[in-house]
Each structure stands twice: as structure tokens, then as C-alpha cells.
């Protein structure tokens, strides 16, 4: 499997777990022992650096504040009748 393939580590982990389950079919104690040897899956993040490393919604605070201000003004105007 090519090293740049997306989800490569996850696919290798699934392959290892599948092999353990097939080899130790029915022997739950041995399955648990072998799975403990494999260890937990640890993600390394969201892939190679994209052009935008900001969190989703970052930079939207001013837009949200402007929308809220417009809605407040609209509501006050509606309440005056």
C-alpha cells in the first residue's frame, strides 16, 4: 500500500484486526491478548497541511456579530409597531 494513501494507517489496523479474528476464531481470550499486542489506533491528525489550517468557523465572529446586530435592530423595529 502506497504511503501517501489516505487512511493507510487505519486500513492497516483493520487488516491486522481481521487477521487476528480469523486466526483465533472462537478463542476470545487469545483474541483479546493479540488485540492488546496490536495496541490502540492513534490518529496523526487531518493529513498533510492544506492551505487553510484554521478551525472551521474561525474568522466568522465579526460576521456573526453583524448578523446579530441587524436582527436586534429588526426586532426592536418590529416591536415598536
C-alpha atoms as a PDB file:
ATOM      1  CA  UNK A   1       0.000   0.000   0.000  1.00  0.00           C
ATOM      2  CA  UNK A   2       1.389   3.381  -1.007  1.00  0.00           C
ATOM      3  CA  UNK A   3       2.474   5.544   1.934  1.00  0.00           C
ATOM      4  CA  UNK A   4       0.525   8.572   0.696  1.00  0.00           C
ATOM      5  CA  UNK A   5      -2.772   6.708   0.511  1.00  0.00           C
ATOM      6  CA  UNK A   6      -5.483   8.320   2.636  1.00  0.00           C
ATOM      7  CA  UNK A   7      -6.421   6.291   5.719  1.00  0.00           C
ATOM      8  CA  UNK A   8      -3.422   3.982   5.182  1.00  0.00           C
ATOM      9  CA  UNK A   9      -2.809   3.509   8.896  1.00  0.00           C
ATOM     10  CA  UNK A  10      -6.496   2.824   9.549  1.00  0.00           C
ATOM     11  CA  UNK A  11      -6.625   0.279   6.708  1.00  0.00           C
ATOM     12  CA  UNK A  12      -3.540  -1.494   8.059  1.00  0.00           C
ATOM     13  CA  UNK A  13      -5.106  -1.576  11.519  1.00  0.00           C
ATOM     14  CA  UNK A  14      -8.314  -3.106  10.142  1.00  0.00           C
ATOM     15  CA  UNK A  15      -6.295  -5.696   8.219  1.00  0.00           C
ATOM     16  CA  UNK A  16      -4.383  -6.646  11.382  1.00  0.00           C
ATOM     17  CA  UNK A  17      -7.597  -6.962  13.405  1.00  0.00           C
ATOM     18  CA  UNK A  18      -9.241  -9.035  10.663  1.00  0.00           C
ATOM     19  CA  UNK A  19      -6.273 -11.393  10.571  1.00  0.00           C
ATOM     20  CA  UNK A  20      -6.375 -11.817  14.355  1.00  0.00           C
ATOM     21  CA  UNK A  21     -10.113 -12.524  14.337  1.00  0.00           C
ATOM     22  CA  UNK A  22      -9.771 -15.082  11.538  1.00  0.00           C
ATOM     23  CA  UNK A  23      -6.808 -16.850  13.145  1.00  0.00           C
ATOM     24  CA  UNK A  24      -8.305 -17.042  16.636  1.00  0.00           C
ATOM     25  CA  UNK A  25     -11.941 -17.723  15.748  1.00  0.00           C
ATOM     26  CA  UNK A  26     -13.866 -18.660  18.881  1.00  0.00           C
ATOM     27  CA  UNK A  27     -10.966 -18.273  21.320  1.00  0.00           C
ATOM     28  CA  UNK A  28     -11.913 -14.969  22.955  1.00  0.00           C
ATOM     29  CA  UNK A  29      -9.090 -14.919  25.493  1.00  0.00           C
ATOM     30  CA  UNK A  30      -6.477 -15.311  22.766  1.00  0.00           C
ATOM     31  CA  UNK A  31      -8.235 -12.681  20.641  1.00  0.00           C
ATOM     32  CA  UNK A  32      -8.086 -10.174  23.481  1.00  0.00           C
ATOM     33  CA  UNK A  33      -4.419 -10.957  24.094  1.00  0.00           C
ATOM     34  CA  UNK A  34      -3.500 -10.466  20.420  1.00  0.00           C
ATOM     35  CA  UNK A  35      -5.590  -7.257  20.157  1.00  0.00           C
ATOM     36  CA  UNK A  36      -3.811  -5.869  23.221  1.00  0.00           C
ATOM     37  CA  UNK A  37      -0.495  -6.524  21.473  1.00  0.00           C
ATOM     38  CA  UNK A  38      -1.646  -4.508  18.447  1.00  0.00           C
ATOM     39  CA  UNK A  39      -2.482  -1.568  20.698  1.00  0.00           C
ATOM     40  CA  UNK A  40      -4.872   1.340  20.184  1.00  0.00           C
ATOM     41  CA  UNK A  41      -5.230   3.280  16.949  1.00  0.00           C
ATOM     42  CA  UNK A  42      -3.757   6.763  17.203  1.00  0.00           C
ATOM     43  CA  UNK A  43      -4.614   9.300  14.562  1.00  0.00           C
ATOM     44  CA  UNK A  44      -1.895  11.609  13.332  1.00  0.00           C
ATOM     45  CA  UNK A  45      -4.239  14.466  12.511  1.00  0.00           C
ATOM     46  CA  UNK A  46      -6.053  15.561   9.406  1.00  0.00           C
ATOM     47  CA  UNK A  47      -3.496  14.767   6.755  1.00  0.00           C
ATOM     48  CA  UNK A  48      -0.839  16.855   5.124  1.00  0.00           C
ATOM     49  CA  UNK A  49      -1.090  20.594   5.551  1.00  0.00           C
ATOM     50  CA  UNK A  50      -3.770  22.178   3.454  1.00  0.00           C
ATOM     51  CA  UNK A  51      -3.931  25.838   2.548  1.00  0.00           C
ATOM     52  CA  UNK A  52      -6.208  26.681   5.477  1.00  0.00           C
ATOM     53  CA  UNK A  53      -5.203  25.355   8.876  1.00  0.00           C
ATOM     54  CA  UNK A  54      -7.767  27.446  10.785  1.00  0.00           C
ATOM     55  CA  UNK A  55     -10.584  25.785  12.651  1.00  0.00           C
ATOM     56  CA  UNK A  56     -13.961  25.634  10.954  1.00  0.00           C
ATOM     57  CA  UNK A  57     -15.806  28.876  11.630  1.00  0.00           C
ATOM     58  CA  UNK A  58     -12.694  30.819  12.601  1.00  0.00           C
ATOM     59  CA  UNK A  59     -12.844  34.369  11.326  1.00  0.00           C
ATOM     60  CA  UNK A  60     -16.628  34.408  11.387  1.00  0.00           C
ATOM     61  CA  UNK A  61     -17.010  36.259  14.689  1.00  0.00           C
ATOM     62  CA  UNK A  62     -17.395  39.657  13.005  1.00  0.00           C
ATOM     63  CA  UNK A  63     -19.975  38.250  10.601  1.00  0.00           C
ATOM     64  CA  UNK A  64     -21.976  36.687  13.444  1.00  0.00           C
ATOM     65  CA  UNK A  65     -21.842  39.955  15.397  1.00  0.00           C
ATOM     66  CA  UNK A  66     -23.081  41.922  12.379  1.00  0.00           C
ATOM     67  CA  UNK A  67     -25.937  39.459  11.805  1.00  0.00           C
ATOM     68  CA  UNK A  68     -26.924  39.647  15.457  1.00  0.00           C
ATOM     69  CA  UNK A  69     -26.870  43.445  15.402  1.00  0.00           C
ATOM     70  CA  UNK A  70     -29.100  43.512  12.291  1.00  0.00           C
ATOM     71  CA  UNK A  71     -31.521  41.072  13.904  1.00  0.00           C
ATOM     72  CA  UNK A  72     -31.655  43.092  17.124  1.00  0.00           C
ATOM     73  CA  UNK A  73     -32.447  46.270  15.182  1.00  0.00           C
ATOM     74  CA  UNK A  74     -35.078  44.458  13.114  1.00  0.00           C
ATOM     75  CA  UNK A  75     -36.673  43.027  16.261  1.00  0.00           C
ATOM     76  CA  UNK A  76     -36.778  46.409  18.011  1.00  0.00           C
ATOM     77  CA  UNK A  77     -38.340  47.985  14.939  1.00  0.00           C
ATOM     78  CA  UNK A  78     -40.977  45.218  14.785  1.00  0.00           C
ATOM     79  CA  UNK A  79     -41.815  45.654  18.482  1.00  0.00           C
ATOM     80  CA  UNK A  80     -42.405  49.413  18.079  1.00  0.00           C
ATOM     81  CA  UNK A  81     -45.098  48.607  15.594  1.00  0.00           C
END
